[in-house]
Amino acid sequence: MKLLAWLTEAFITVFGITRPRPEEQRVAQVAIGGFLLAFLFAIASLVTYFAVELRAHPH
């Protein structure tokens, strides 16, 4: 949960969105942090896939 909390805090700080109320903070951490974590994982997966493909099939 600390990673999700950190990602959410970074997103809120960078984009300047309104902070969630204390009772909504957990939901915001899961929603925003989960989305950002999934996005970062998808980007890392694509980069790894293309790096492996380029190495396996150089032109």
C-alpha atoms as a PDB file:
ATOM      1  CA  MET A   1       0.000   0.000   0.000  1.00  0.00           C
ATOM      2  CA  LYS A   2       2.933   2.337   0.541  1.00  0.00           C
ATOM      3  CA  LEU A   3       3.740   2.239  -3.167  1.00  0.00           C
ATOM      4  CA  LEU A   4       0.145   3.123  -4.069  1.00  0.00           C
ATOM      5  CA  ALA A   5       0.140   5.913  -1.474  1.00  0.00           C
ATOM      6  CA  TRP A   6       3.392   7.293  -2.867  1.00  0.00           C
ATOM      7  CA  LEU A   7       2.175   7.130  -6.484  1.00  0.00           C
ATOM      8  CA  THR A   8      -1.095   8.816  -5.540  1.00  0.00           C
ATOM      9  CA  GLU A   9       0.690  11.564  -3.614  1.00  0.00           C
ATOM     10  CA  ALA A  10       3.079  12.152  -6.514  1.00  0.00           C
ATOM     11  CA  PHE A  11       0.182  12.322  -8.994  1.00  0.00           C
ATOM     12  CA  ILE A  12      -1.752  14.778  -6.822  1.00  0.00           C
ATOM     13  CA  THR A  13       1.330  16.958  -6.356  1.00  0.00           C
ATOM     14  CA  VAL A  14       2.379  16.956 -10.010  1.00  0.00           C
ATOM     15  CA  PHE A  15      -1.056  17.598 -11.490  1.00  0.00           C
ATOM     16  CA  GLY A  16      -2.403  19.741  -8.647  1.00  0.00           C
ATOM     17  CA  ILE A  17      -5.731  17.981  -8.331  1.00  0.00           C
ATOM     18  CA  THR A  18      -7.902  18.344  -5.257  1.00  0.00           C
ATOM     19  CA  ARG A  19      -6.851  16.054  -2.421  1.00  0.00           C
ATOM     20  CA  PRO A  20      -9.418  13.444  -1.433  1.00  0.00           C
ATOM     21  CA  ARG A  21     -11.142  13.678   1.924  1.00  0.00           C
ATOM     22  CA  PRO A  22      -9.654  11.423   4.603  1.00  0.00           C
ATOM     23  CA  GLU A  23     -12.519   8.925   4.304  1.00  0.00           C
ATOM     24  CA  GLU A  24     -11.983   8.730   0.515  1.00  0.00           C
ATOM     25  CA  GLN A  25      -8.206   8.528   0.642  1.00  0.00           C
ATOM     26  CA  ARG A  26      -8.016   4.717   0.562  1.00  0.00           C
ATOM     27  CA  VAL A  27     -10.271   4.496  -2.501  1.00  0.00           C
ATOM     28  CA  ALA A  28      -8.272   7.223  -4.257  1.00  0.00           C
ATOM     29  CA  GLN A  29      -5.011   5.416  -3.515  1.00  0.00           C
ATOM     30  CA  VAL A  30      -6.295   2.182  -4.995  1.00  0.00           C
ATOM     31  CA  ALA A  31      -7.859   3.880  -8.038  1.00  0.00           C
ATOM     32  CA  ILE A  32      -5.144   6.392  -8.942  1.00  0.00           C
ATOM     33  CA  GLY A  33      -2.179   4.387  -7.683  1.00  0.00           C
ATOM     34  CA  GLY A  34      -3.451   1.174  -9.229  1.00  0.00           C
ATOM     35  CA  PHE A  35      -3.975   2.834 -12.600  1.00  0.00           C
ATOM     36  CA  LEU A  36      -0.511   4.410 -12.542  1.00  0.00           C
ATOM     37  CA  LEU A  37       1.119   1.154 -11.473  1.00  0.00           C
ATOM     38  CA  ALA A  38      -0.675  -0.747 -14.264  1.00  0.00           C
ATOM     39  CA  PHE A  39       0.325   1.931 -16.778  1.00  0.00           C
ATOM     40  CA  LEU A  40       3.985   1.809 -15.729  1.00  0.00           C
ATOM     41  CA  PHE A  41       3.943  -1.992 -15.870  1.00  0.00           C
ATOM     42  CA  ALA A  42       2.441  -1.914 -19.366  1.00  0.00           C
ATOM     43  CA  ILE A  43       5.099   0.525 -20.596  1.00  0.00           C
ATOM     44  CA  ALA A  44       7.898  -1.573 -19.066  1.00  0.00           C
ATOM     45  CA  SER A  45       6.415  -4.709 -20.655  1.00  0.00           C
ATOM     46  CA  LEU A  46       6.238  -3.103 -24.094  1.00  0.00           C
ATOM     47  CA  VAL A  47       9.800  -1.812 -23.877  1.00  0.00           C
ATOM     48  CA  THR A  48      11.036  -5.236 -22.796  1.00  0.00           C
ATOM     49  CA  TYR A  49       9.085  -6.984 -25.555  1.00  0.00           C
ATOM     50  CA  PHE A  50      10.439  -4.712 -28.275  1.00  0.00           C
ATOM     51  CA  ALA A  51      13.990  -4.956 -26.923  1.00  0.00           C
ATOM     52  CA  VAL A  52      13.809  -8.750 -26.985  1.00  0.00           C
ATOM     53  CA  GLU A  53      12.284  -8.769 -30.479  1.00  0.00           C
ATOM     54  CA  LEU A  54      14.949  -6.432 -31.836  1.00  0.00           C
ATOM     55  CA  ARG A  55      17.684  -8.581 -30.343  1.00  0.00           C
ATOM     56  CA  ALA A  56      16.140 -11.802 -31.668  1.00  0.00           C
ATOM     57  CA  HIS A  57      15.468 -10.506 -35.183  1.00  0.00           C
ATOM     58  CA  PRO A  58      18.012  -7.822 -36.127  1.00  0.00           C
ATOM     59  CA  HIS A  59      17.612  -6.322 -39.568  1.00  0.00           C
END
